[in-house]
PDB file of all heavy atoms in Angstrom:
ATOM      1  N   ALA A   1      18.133-227.470 -88.244  1.00  0.00           N
ATOM      2  CA  ALA A   1      17.930-226.027 -88.093  1.00  0.00           C
ATOM      3  C   ALA A   1      16.629-225.571 -88.735  1.00  0.00           C
ATOM      4  O   ALA A   1      15.968-224.650 -88.231  1.00  0.00           O
ATOM      5  CB  ALA A   1      19.117-225.281 -88.692  1.00  0.00           C
ATOM      6  N   ARG A   2      16.244-226.201 -89.837  1.00  0.00           N
ATOM      7  CA  ARG A   2      14.981-225.833 -90.493  1.00  0.00           C
ATOM      8  C   ARG A   2      13.806-226.086 -89.542  1.00  0.00           C
ATOM      9  O   ARG A   2      12.922-225.231 -89.387  1.00  0.00           O
ATOM     10  CB  ARG A   2      14.810-226.616 -91.784  1.00  0.00           C
ATOM     11  CG  ARG A   2      13.443-226.400 -92.444  1.00  0.00           C
ATOM     12  CD  ARG A   2      13.297-227.146 -93.766  1.00  0.00           C
ATOM     13  NE  ARG A   2      13.943-226.421 -94.850  1.00  0.00           N
ATOM     14  CZ  ARG A   2      14.958-226.884 -95.552  1.00  0.00           C
ATOM     15  NH1 ARG A   2      15.467-228.094 -95.284  1.00  0.00           N
ATOM     16  NH2 ARG A   2      15.486-226.162 -96.520  1.00  0.00           N
ATOM     17  N   LEU A   3      13.785-227.237 -88.915  1.00  0.00           N
ATOM     18  CA  LEU A   3      12.702-227.569 -88.000  1.00  0.00           C
ATOM     19  C   LEU A   3      12.724-226.651 -86.777  1.00  0.00           C
ATOM     20  O   LEU A   3      11.656-226.215 -86.304  1.00  0.00           O
ATOM     21  CB  LEU A   3      12.820-229.030 -87.566  1.00  0.00           C
ATOM     22  CG  LEU A   3      11.750-229.537 -86.597  1.00  0.00           C
ATOM     23  CD1 LEU A   3      10.349-229.371 -87.182  1.00  0.00           C
ATOM     24  CD2 LEU A   3      12.009-230.990 -86.229  1.00  0.00           C
ATOM     25  N   GLU A   4      13.893-226.324 -86.283  1.00  0.00           N
ATOM     26  CA  GLU A   4      13.977-225.424 -85.131  1.00  0.00           C
ATOM     27  C   GLU A   4      13.392-224.058 -85.465  1.00  0.00           C
ATOM     28  O   GLU A   4      12.710-223.441 -84.634  1.00  0.00           O
ATOM     29  CB  GLU A   4      15.438-225.279 -84.695  1.00  0.00           C
ATOM     30  CG  GLU A   4      16.015-226.547 -84.078  1.00  0.00           C
ATOM     31  CD  GLU A   4      17.477-226.385 -83.706  1.00  0.00           C
ATOM     32  OE1 GLU A   4      17.999-225.256 -83.828  1.00  0.00           O
ATOM     33  OE2 GLU A   4      18.088-227.381 -83.288  1.00  0.00           O
ATOM     34  N   ARG A   5      13.658-223.574 -86.660  1.00  0.00           N
ATOM     35  CA  ARG A   5      13.094-222.287 -87.060  1.00  0.00           C
ATOM     36  C   ARG A   5      11.581-222.367 -87.163  1.00  0.00           C
ATOM     37  O   ARG A   5      10.863-221.437 -86.773  1.00  0.00           O
ATOM     38  CB  ARG A   5      13.697-221.849 -88.393  1.00  0.00           C
ATOM     39  CG  ARG A   5      13.227-220.474 -88.803  1.00  0.00           C
ATOM     40  CD  ARG A   5      14.017-219.895 -89.951  1.00  0.00           C
ATOM     41  NE  ARG A   5      13.384-218.646 -90.351  1.00  0.00           N
ATOM     42  CZ  ARG A   5      12.991-218.358 -91.571  1.00  0.00           C
ATOM     43  NH1 ARG A   5      13.189-219.226 -92.551  1.00  0.00           N
ATOM     44  NH2 ARG A   5      12.427-217.207 -91.851  1.00  0.00           N
ATOM     45  N   MET A   6      11.070-223.458 -87.692  1.00  0.00           N
ATOM     46  CA  MET A   6       9.627-223.639 -87.769  1.00  0.00           C
ATOM     47  C   MET A   6       9.010-223.642 -86.374  1.00  0.00           C
ATOM     48  O   MET A   6       7.966-223.017 -86.139  1.00  0.00           O
ATOM     49  CB  MET A   6       9.312-224.941 -88.505  1.00  0.00           C
ATOM     50  CG  MET A   6       9.714-224.945 -89.975  1.00  0.00           C
ATOM     51  SD  MET A   6       9.863-226.610 -90.688  1.00  0.00           S
ATOM     52  CE  MET A   6       8.251-227.309 -90.356  1.00  0.00           C
ATOM     53  N   GLN A   7       9.626-224.349 -85.455  1.00  0.00           N
ATOM     54  CA  GLN A   7       9.093-224.459 -84.097  1.00  0.00           C
ATOM     55  C   GLN A   7       9.107-223.132 -83.359  1.00  0.00           C
ATOM     56  O   GLN A   7       8.359-222.948 -82.396  1.00  0.00           O
ATOM     57  CB  GLN A   7       9.890-225.510 -83.334  1.00  0.00           C
ATOM     58  CG  GLN A   7       9.687-226.928 -83.864  1.00  0.00           C
ATOM     59  CD  GLN A   7      10.657-227.931 -83.267  1.00  0.00           C
ATOM     60  OE1 GLN A   7      11.760-227.572 -82.828  1.00  0.00           O
ATOM     61  NE2 GLN A   7      10.269-229.196 -83.247  1.00  0.00           N
ATOM     62  N   ALA A   8       9.941-222.187 -83.819  1.00  0.00           N
ATOM     63  CA  ALA A   8      10.004-220.863 -83.192  1.00  0.00           C
ATOM     64  C   ALA A   8       8.911-219.935 -83.696  1.00  0.00           C
ATOM     65  O   ALA A   8       8.720-218.842 -83.153  1.00  0.00           O
ATOM     66  CB  ALA A   8      11.373-220.233 -83.438  1.00  0.00           C
ATOM     67  N   SER A   9       8.182-220.342 -84.718  1.00  0.00           N
ATOM     68  CA  SER A   9       7.133-219.506 -85.280  1.00  0.00           C
ATOM     69  C   SER A   9       5.951-219.405 -84.326  1.00  0.00           C
ATOM     70  O   SER A   9       5.554-220.400 -83.706  1.00  0.00           O
ATOM     71  CB  SER A   9       6.657-220.089 -86.616  1.00  0.00           C
ATOM     72  OG  SER A   9       5.472-219.433 -87.045  1.00  0.00           O
ATOM     73  N   PRO A  10       5.328-218.234 -84.208  1.00  0.00           N
ATOM     74  CA  PRO A  10       4.113-218.123 -83.389  1.00  0.00           C
ATOM     75  C   PRO A  10       2.935-218.906 -83.958  1.00  0.00           C
ATOM     76  O   PRO A  10       1.931-219.094 -83.272  1.00  0.00           O
ATOM     77  CB  PRO A  10       3.830-216.613 -83.396  1.00  0.00           C
ATOM     78  CG  PRO A  10       4.550-216.075 -84.585  1.00  0.00           C
ATOM     79  CD  PRO A  10       5.754-216.937 -84.763  1.00  0.00           C
ATOM     80  N   LEU A  11       3.065-219.366 -85.190  1.00  0.00           N
ATOM     81  CA  LEU A  11       1.999-220.159 -85.807  1.00  0.00           C
ATOM     82  C   LEU A  11       2.128-221.650 -85.500  1.00  0.00           C
ATOM     83  O   LEU A  11       1.258-222.431 -85.878  1.00  0.00           O
ATOM     84  CB  LEU A  11       2.013-219.960 -87.324  1.00  0.00           C
ATOM     85  CG  LEU A  11       1.916-218.509 -87.808  1.00  0.00           C
ATOM     86  CD1 LEU A  11       2.137-218.433 -89.310  1.00  0.00           C
ATOM     87  CD2 LEU A  11       0.574-217.906 -87.428  1.00  0.00           C
ATOM     88  N   TRP A  12       3.224-222.045 -84.838  1.00  0.00           N
ATOM     89  CA  TRP A  12       3.491-223.457 -84.551  1.00  0.00           C
ATOM     90  C   TRP A  12       2.973-223.805 -83.156  1.00  0.00           C
ATOM     91  O   TRP A  12       3.250-223.113 -82.181  1.00  0.00           O
ATOM     92  CB  TRP A  12       4.998-223.715 -84.640  1.00  0.00           C
ATOM     93  CG  TRP A  12       5.410-225.136 -84.423  1.00  0.00           C
ATOM     94  CD1 TRP A  12       5.681-225.745 -83.236  1.00  0.00           C
ATOM     95  CD2 TRP A  12       5.623-226.138 -85.422  1.00  0.00           C
ATOM     96  NE1 TRP A  12       6.043-227.053 -83.419  1.00  0.00           N
ATOM     97  CE2 TRP A  12       6.022-227.326 -84.760  1.00  0.00           C
ATOM     98  CE3 TRP A  12       5.535-226.141 -86.813  1.00  0.00           C
ATOM     99  CZ2 TRP A  12       6.326-228.497 -85.442  1.00  0.00           C
ATOM    100  CZ3 TRP A  12       5.824-227.311 -87.503  1.00  0.00           C
ATOM    101  CH2 TRP A  12       6.212-228.467 -86.827  1.00  0.00           C
ATOM    102  N   ALA A  13       2.225-224.883 -83.054  1.00  0.00           N
ATOM    103  CA  ALA A  13       1.730-225.345 -81.757  1.00  0.00           C
ATOM    104  C   ALA A  13       1.367-226.812 -81.870  1.00  0.00           C
ATOM    105  O   ALA A  13       0.806-227.247 -82.886  1.00  0.00           O
ATOM    106  CB  ALA A  13       0.520-224.534 -81.299  1.00  0.00           C
ATOM    107  N   GLY A  14       1.701-227.586 -80.873  1.00  0.00           N
ATOM    108  CA  GLY A  14       1.336-228.995 -80.867  1.00  0.00           C
ATOM    109  C   GLY A  14       1.972-229.805 -81.975  1.00  0.00           C
ATOM    110  O   GLY A  14       1.375-230.769 -82.454  1.00  0.00           O
ATOM    111  N   GLY A  15       3.166-229.401 -82.401  1.00  0.00           N
ATOM    112  CA  GLY A  15       3.875-230.157 -83.418  1.00  0.00           C
ATOM    113  C   GLY A  15       3.458-229.871 -84.841  1.00  0.00           C
ATOM    114  O   GLY A  15       3.826-230.619 -85.753  1.00  0.00           O
ATOM    115  N   ARG A  16       2.715-228.775 -85.067  1.00  0.00           N
ATOM    116  CA  ARG A  16       2.284-228.441 -86.425  1.00  0.00           C
ATOM    117  C   ARG A  16       1.893-226.971 -86.499  1.00  0.00           C
ATOM    118  O   ARG A  16       1.730-226.298 -85.474  1.00  0.00           O
ATOM    119  CB  ARG A  16       1.111-229.320 -86.839  1.00  0.00           C
ATOM    120  CG  ARG A  16      -0.144-229.146 -86.002  1.00  0.00           C
ATOM    121  CD  ARG A  16      -1.221-230.141 -86.376  1.00  0.00           C
ATOM    122  NE  ARG A  16      -0.762-231.507 -86.140  1.00  0.00           N
ATOM    123  CZ  ARG A  16      -1.361-232.582 -86.642  1.00  0.00           C
ATOM    124  NH1 ARG A  16      -2.421-232.442 -87.421  1.00  0.00           N
ATOM    125  NH2 ARG A  16      -0.906-233.790 -86.373  1.00  0.00           N
ATOM    126  N   PHE A  17       1.736-226.493 -87.742  1.00  0.00           N
ATOM    127  CA  PHE A  17       1.249-225.131 -87.932  1.00  0.00           C
ATOM    128  C   PHE A  17      -0.269-225.098 -87.799  1.00  0.00           C
ATOM    129  O   PHE A  17      -0.943-226.127 -87.890  1.00  0.00           O
ATOM    130  CB  PHE A  17       1.667-224.606 -89.313  1.00  0.00           C
ATOM    131  CG  PHE A  17       3.136-224.314 -89.417  1.00  0.00           C
ATOM    132  CD1 PHE A  17       3.984-225.171 -90.113  1.00  0.00           C
ATOM    133  CD2 PHE A  17       3.680-223.183 -88.830  1.00  0.00           C
ATOM    134  CE1 PHE A  17       5.343-224.914 -90.205  1.00  0.00           C
ATOM    135  CE2 PHE A  17       5.037-222.907 -88.917  1.00  0.00           C
ATOM    136  CZ  PHE A  17       5.877-223.769 -89.611  1.00  0.00           C
ATOM    137  N   ARG A  18      -0.800-223.886 -87.588  1.00  0.00           N
ATOM    138  CA  ARG A  18      -2.243-223.749 -87.378  1.00  0.00           C
ATOM    139  C   ARG A  18      -2.722-222.422 -87.919  1.00  0.00           C
ATOM    140  O   ARG A  18      -1.952-221.463 -88.066  1.00  0.00           O
ATOM    141  CB  ARG A  18      -2.568-223.827 -85.885  1.00  0.00           C
ATOM    142  CG  ARG A  18      -1.909-222.694 -85.121  1.00  0.00           C
ATOM    143  CD  ARG A  18      -1.720-222.997 -83.640  1.00  0.00           C
ATOM    144  NE  ARG A  18      -0.806-222.013 -83.062  1.00  0.00           N
ATOM    145  CZ  ARG A  18      -1.119-221.184 -82.075  1.00  0.00           C
ATOM    146  NH1 ARG A  18      -2.322-221.217 -81.533  1.00  0.00           N
ATOM    147  NH2 ARG A  18      -0.245-220.332 -81.593  1.00  0.00           N
ATOM    148  N   ASN A  19      -4.009-222.352 -88.226  1.00  0.00           N
ATOM    149  CA  ASN A  19      -4.650-221.085 -88.522  1.00  0.00           C
ATOM    150  C   ASN A  19      -4.948-220.392 -87.192  1.00  0.00           C
ATOM    151  O   ASN A  19      -5.555-220.987 -86.301  1.00  0.00           O
ATOM    152  CB  ASN A  19      -5.951-221.304 -89.291  1.00  0.00           C
ATOM    153  CG  ASN A  19      -5.707-221.809 -90.696  1.00  0.00           C
ATOM    154  OD1 ASN A  19      -4.942-221.234 -91.446  1.00  0.00           O
ATOM    155  ND2 ASN A  19      -6.369-222.908 -91.058  1.00  0.00           N
ATOM    156  N   VAL A  20      -4.498-219.151 -87.046  1.00  0.00           N
ATOM    157  CA  VAL A  20      -4.672-218.452 -85.776  1.00  0.00           C
ATOM    158  C   VAL A  20      -5.835-217.472 -85.796  1.00  0.00           C
ATOM    159  O   VAL A  20      -6.300-217.039 -84.750  1.00  0.00           O
ATOM    160  CB  VAL A  20      -3.371-217.702 -85.393  1.00  0.00           C
ATOM    161  CG1 VAL A  20      -2.250-218.699 -85.132  1.00  0.00           C
ATOM    162  CG2 VAL A  20      -2.962-216.702 -86.467  1.00  0.00           C
ATOM    163  N   HIS A  21      -6.320-217.126 -86.971  1.00  0.00           N
ATOM    164  CA  HIS A  21      -7.425-216.186 -87.059  1.00  0.00           C
ATOM    165  C   HIS A  21      -8.740-216.932 -86.873  1.00  0.00           C
ATOM    166  O   HIS A  21      -8.967-217.966 -87.499  1.00  0.00           O
ATOM    167  CB  HIS A  21      -7.409-215.494 -88.426  1.00  0.00           C
ATOM    168  CG  HIS A  21      -8.346-214.337 -88.532  1.00  0.00           C
ATOM    169  ND1 HIS A  21      -9.673-214.489 -88.864  1.00  0.00           N
ATOM    170  CD2 HIS A  21      -8.156-213.005 -88.335  1.00  0.00           C
ATOM    171  CE1 HIS A  21     -10.258-213.304 -88.878  1.00  0.00           C
ATOM    172  NE2 HIS A  21      -9.367-212.391 -88.569  1.00  0.00           N
ATOM    173  N   PRO A  22      -9.640-216.441 -86.025  1.00  0.00           N
ATOM    174  CA  PRO A  22     -10.924-217.137 -85.835  1.00  0.00           C
ATOM    175  C   PRO A  22     -11.681-217.249 -87.157  1.00  0.00           C
ATOM    176  O   PRO A  22     -11.707-216.314 -87.959  1.00  0.00           O
ATOM    177  CB  PRO A  22     -11.672-216.229 -84.848  1.00  0.00           C
ATOM    178  CG  PRO A  22     -10.603-215.445 -84.159  1.00  0.00           C
ATOM    179  CD  PRO A  22      -9.519-215.235 -85.171  1.00  0.00           C
ATOM    180  N   MET A  23     -12.303-218.412 -87.362  1.00  0.00           N
ATOM    181  CA  MET A  23     -13.068-218.613 -88.587  1.00  0.00           C
ATOM    182  C   MET A  23     -14.296-217.709 -88.580  1.00  0.00           C
ATOM    183  O   MET A  23     -15.040-217.665 -87.603  1.00  0.00           O
ATOM    184  CB  MET A  23     -13.489-220.076 -88.715  1.00  0.00           C
ATOM    185  CG  MET A  23     -14.198-220.395 -90.025  1.00  0.00           C
ATOM    186  SD  MET A  23     -14.563-222.157 -90.213  1.00  0.00           S
ATOM    187  CE  MET A  23     -15.876-222.361 -88.996  1.00  0.00           C
ATOM    188  N   LEU A  24     -14.491-216.994 -89.670  1.00  0.00           N
ATOM    189  CA  LEU A  24     -15.630-216.092 -89.765  1.00  0.00           C
ATOM    190  C   LEU A  24     -16.929-216.897 -89.836  1.00  0.00           C
ATOM    191  O   LEU A  24     -16.979-217.966 -90.467  1.00  0.00           O
ATOM    192  CB  LEU A  24     -15.500-215.213 -91.009  1.00  0.00           C
ATOM    193  CG  LEU A  24     -14.278-214.282 -91.042  1.00  0.00           C
ATOM    194  CD1 LEU A  24     -14.236-213.518 -92.350  1.00  0.00           C
ATOM    195  CD2 LEU A  24     -14.297-213.328 -89.860  1.00  0.00           C
ATOM    196  N   PRO A  25     -17.987-216.421 -89.209  1.00  0.00           N
ATOM    197  CA  PRO A  25     -19.261-217.159 -89.232  1.00  0.00           C
ATOM    198  C   PRO A  25     -19.822-217.245 -90.640  1.00  0.00           C
ATOM    199  O   PRO A  25     -19.691-216.319 -91.450  1.00  0.00           O
ATOM    200  CB  PRO A  25     -20.160-216.322 -88.316  1.00  0.00           C
ATOM    201  CG  PRO A  25     -19.547-214.954 -88.299  1.00  0.00           C
ATOM    202  CD  PRO A  25     -18.081-215.165 -88.439  1.00  0.00           C
ATOM    203  N   GLY A  26     -20.442-218.386 -90.930  1.00  0.00           N
ATOM    204  CA  GLY A  26     -21.118-218.567 -92.203  1.00  0.00           C
ATOM    205  C   GLY A  26     -20.255-219.072 -93.336  1.00  0.00           C
ATOM    206  O   GLY A  26     -20.772-219.337 -94.420  1.00  0.00           O
ATOM    207  N   LEU A  27     -18.956-219.228 -93.113  1.00  0.00           N
ATOM    208  CA  LEU A  27     -18.099-219.692 -94.203  1.00  0.00           C
ATOM    209  C   LEU A  27     -18.309-221.167 -94.502  1.00  0.00           C
ATOM    210  O   LEU A  27     -18.264-221.580 -95.655  1.00  0.00           O
ATOM    211  CB  LEU A  27     -16.620-219.439 -93.861  1.00  0.00           C
ATOM    212  CG  LEU A  27     -16.156-217.990 -93.817  1.00  0.00           C
ATOM    213  CD1 LEU A  27     -14.653-217.938 -93.565  1.00  0.00           C
ATOM    214  CD2 LEU A  27     -16.498-217.264 -95.112  1.00  0.00           C
ATOM    215  N   ARG A  28     -18.508-221.956 -93.478  1.00  0.00           N
ATOM    216  CA  ARG A  28     -18.700-223.395 -93.668  1.00  0.00           C
ATOM    217  C   ARG A  28     -20.134-223.761 -93.312  1.00  0.00           C
ATOM    218  O   ARG A  28     -20.625-223.387 -92.247  1.00  0.00           O
ATOM    219  CB  ARG A  28     -17.730-224.185 -92.792  1.00  0.00           C
ATOM    220  CG  ARG A  28     -17.847-225.698 -92.969  1.00  0.00           C
ATOM    221  CD  ARG A  28     -17.077-226.453 -91.904  1.00  0.00           C
ATOM    222  NE  ARG A  28     -15.635-226.219 -92.010  1.00  0.00           N
ATOM    223  CZ  ARG A  28     -14.744-226.692 -91.139  1.00  0.00           C
ATOM    224  NH1 ARG A  28     -15.164-227.382 -90.079  1.00  0.00           N
ATOM    225  NH2 ARG A  28     -13.461-226.449 -91.300  1.00  0.00           N
ATOM    226  N   ASP A  29     -20.789-224.483 -94.194  1.00  0.00           N
ATOM    227  CA  ASP A  29     -22.159-224.924 -93.958  1.00  0.00           C
ATOM    228  C   ASP A  29     -22.131-226.136 -93.027  1.00  0.00           C
ATOM    229  O   ASP A  29     -21.642-227.210 -93.413  1.00  0.00           O
ATOM    230  CB  ASP A  29     -22.815-225.292 -95.292  1.00  0.00           C
ATOM    231  CG  ASP A  29     -24.264-225.710 -95.134  1.00  0.00           C
ATOM    232  OD1 ASP A  29     -24.730-225.859 -93.980  1.00  0.00           O
ATOM    233  OD2 ASP A  29     -24.936-225.912 -96.166  1.00  0.00           O
ATOM    234  N   PRO A  30     -22.639-226.017 -91.793  1.00  0.00           N
ATOM    235  CA  PRO A  30     -22.578-227.151 -90.861  1.00  0.00           C
ATOM    236  C   PRO A  30     -23.416-228.343 -91.304  1.00  0.00           C
ATOM    237  O   PRO A  30     -23.212-229.461 -90.816  1.00  0.00           O
ATOM    238  CB  PRO A  30     -23.107-226.551 -89.552  1.00  0.00           C
ATOM    239  CG  PRO A  30     -23.943-225.388 -89.980  1.00  0.00           C
ATOM    240  CD  PRO A  30     -23.299-224.850 -91.212  1.00  0.00           C
ATOM    241  N   GLN A  31     -24.348-228.125 -92.241  1.00  0.00           N
ATOM    242  CA  GLN A  31     -25.176-229.222 -92.724  1.00  0.00           C
ATOM    243  C   GLN A  31     -24.536-229.964 -93.903  1.00  0.00           C
ATOM    244  O   GLN A  31     -25.004-231.039 -94.276  1.00  0.00           O
ATOM    245  CB  GLN A  31     -26.538-228.673 -93.173  1.00  0.00           C
ATOM    246  CG  GLN A  31     -27.262-227.858 -92.109  1.00  0.00           C
ATOM    247  CD  GLN A  31     -27.499-228.650 -90.844  1.00  0.00           C
ATOM    248  OE1 GLN A  31     -27.864-229.819 -90.886  1.00  0.00           O
ATOM    249  NE2 GLN A  31     -27.276-228.011 -89.696  1.00  0.00           N
ATOM    250  N   ALA A  32     -23.498-229.373 -94.481  1.00  0.00           N
ATOM    251  CA  ALA A  32     -22.866-229.991 -95.649  1.00  0.00           C
ATOM    252  C   ALA A  32     -21.875-231.053 -95.201  1.00  0.00           C
ATOM    253  O   ALA A  32     -21.088-230.851 -94.277  1.00  0.00           O
ATOM    254  CB  ALA A  32     -22.144-228.928 -96.478  1.00  0.00           C
ATOM    255  N   THR A  33     -21.924-232.203 -95.849  1.00  0.00           N
ATOM    256  CA  THR A  33     -21.003-233.282 -95.532  1.00  0.00           C
ATOM    257  C   THR A  33     -19.857-233.307 -96.540  1.00  0.00           C
ATOM    258  O   THR A  33     -20.010-232.884 -97.687  1.00  0.00           O
ATOM    259  CB  THR A  33     -21.721-234.639 -95.560  1.00  0.00           C
ATOM    260  OG1 THR A  33     -22.297-234.842 -96.859  1.00  0.00           O
ATOM    261  CG2 THR A  33     -22.818-234.681 -94.505  1.00  0.00           C
ATOM    262  N   MET A  34     -18.725-233.795 -96.097  1.00  0.00           N
ATOM    263  CA  MET A  34     -17.591-233.925 -96.995  1.00  0.00           C
ATOM    264  C   MET A  34     -17.913-234.950 -98.084  1.00  0.00           C
ATOM    265  O   MET A  34     -18.544-235.973 -97.822  1.00  0.00           O
ATOM    266  CB  MET A  34     -16.355-234.391 -96.221  1.00  0.00           C
ATOM    267  CG  MET A  34     -15.785-233.332 -95.292  1.00  0.00           C
ATOM    268  SD  MET A  34     -14.989-232.005 -96.199  1.00  0.00           S
ATOM    269  CE  MET A  34     -14.332-231.031 -94.834  1.00  0.00           C
ATOM    270  N   PRO A  35     -17.523-234.694 -99.318  1.00  0.00           N
ATOM    271  CA  PRO A  35     -17.790-235.672-100.382  1.00  0.00           C
ATOM    272  C   PRO A  35     -17.014-236.955-100.146  1.00  0.00           C
ATOM    273  O   PRO A  35     -15.912-236.947 -99.606  1.00  0.00           O
ATOM    274  CB  PRO A  35     -17.324-234.950-101.644  1.00  0.00           C
ATOM    275  CG  PRO A  35     -16.351-233.929-101.166  1.00  0.00           C
ATOM    276  CD  PRO A  35     -16.822-233.507 -99.816  1.00  0.00           C
ATOM    277  N   SER A  36     -17.602-238.052-100.560  1.00  0.00           N
ATOM    278  CA  SER A  36     -16.923-239.341-100.482  1.00  0.00           C
ATOM    279  C   SER A  36     -15.977-239.483-101.666  1.00  0.00           C
ATOM    280  O   SER A  36     -15.979-238.665-102.598  1.00  0.00           O
ATOM    281  CB  SER A  36     -17.939-240.472-100.500  1.00  0.00           C
ATOM    282  OG  SER A  36     -18.593-240.511-101.767  1.00  0.00           O
ATOM    283  N   LEU A  37     -15.174-240.526-101.652  1.00  0.00           N
ATOM    284  CA  LEU A  37     -14.286-240.784-102.771  1.00  0.00           C
ATOM    285  C   LEU A  37     -15.099-241.024-104.045  1.00  0.00           C
ATOM    286  O   LEU A  37     -14.728-240.558-105.134  1.00  0.00           O
ATOM    287  CB  LEU A  37     -13.401-241.995-102.477  1.00  0.00           C
ATOM    288  CG  LEU A  37     -12.368-242.356-103.558  1.00  0.00           C
ATOM    289  CD1 LEU A  37     -11.443-241.189-103.843  1.00  0.00           C
ATOM    290  CD2 LEU A  37     -11.571-243.590-103.145  1.00  0.00           C
ATOM    291  N   THR A  38     -16.240-241.705-103.912  1.00  0.00           N
ATOM    292  CA  THR A  38     -17.112-241.929-105.072  1.00  0.00           C
ATOM    293  C   THR A  38     -17.649-240.607-105.604  1.00  0.00           C
ATOM    294  O   THR A  38     -17.702-240.386-106.816  1.00  0.00           O
ATOM    295  CB  THR A  38     -18.273-242.860-104.693  1.00  0.00           C
ATOM    296  OG1 THR A  38     -17.746-244.121-104.248  1.00  0.00           O
ATOM    297  CG2 THR A  38     -19.192-243.101-105.881  1.00  0.00           C
ATOM    298  N   ASP A  39     -18.057-239.714-104.686  1.00  0.00           N
ATOM    299  CA  ASP A  39     -18.521-238.388-105.105  1.00  0.00           C
ATOM    300  C   ASP A  39     -17.435-237.667-105.887  1.00  0.00           C
ATOM    301  O   ASP A  39     -17.694-237.059-106.926  1.00  0.00           O
ATOM    302  CB  ASP A  39     -18.907-237.540-103.896  1.00  0.00           C
ATOM    303  CG  ASP A  39     -20.133-238.052-103.178  1.00  0.00           C
ATOM    304  OD1 ASP A  39     -20.966-238.713-103.826  1.00  0.00           O
ATOM    305  OD2 ASP A  39     -20.251-237.806-101.958  1.00  0.00           O
ATOM    306  N   PHE A  40     -16.226-237.736-105.363  1.00  0.00           N
ATOM    307  CA  PHE A  40     -15.140-237.000-105.994  1.00  0.00           C
ATOM    308  C   PHE A  40     -14.821-237.558-107.374  1.00  0.00           C
ATOM    309  O   PHE A  40     -14.550-236.816-108.315  1.00  0.00           O
ATOM    310  CB  PHE A  40     -13.893-237.051-105.113  1.00  0.00           C
ATOM    311  CG  PHE A  40     -12.761-236.205-105.644  1.00  0.00           C
ATOM    312  CD1 PHE A  40     -12.808-234.828-105.550  1.00  0.00           C
ATOM    313  CD2 PHE A  40     -11.668-236.796-106.253  1.00  0.00           C
ATOM    314  CE1 PHE A  40     -11.782-234.044-106.048  1.00  0.00           C
ATOM    315  CE2 PHE A  40     -10.637-236.024-106.758  1.00  0.00           C
ATOM    316  CZ  PHE A  40     -10.704-234.640-106.652  1.00  0.00           C
TER     317      PHE A  40
END
């Protein structure tokens, strides 16, 4: 029943939850790379 309730959410799609609000421009630097494990 817990999973059924989750699947009924408008935020659920493709077997998982998702952010539905469009990402605002400029929040993520397209030139920045994710840190490596060594960096972290």
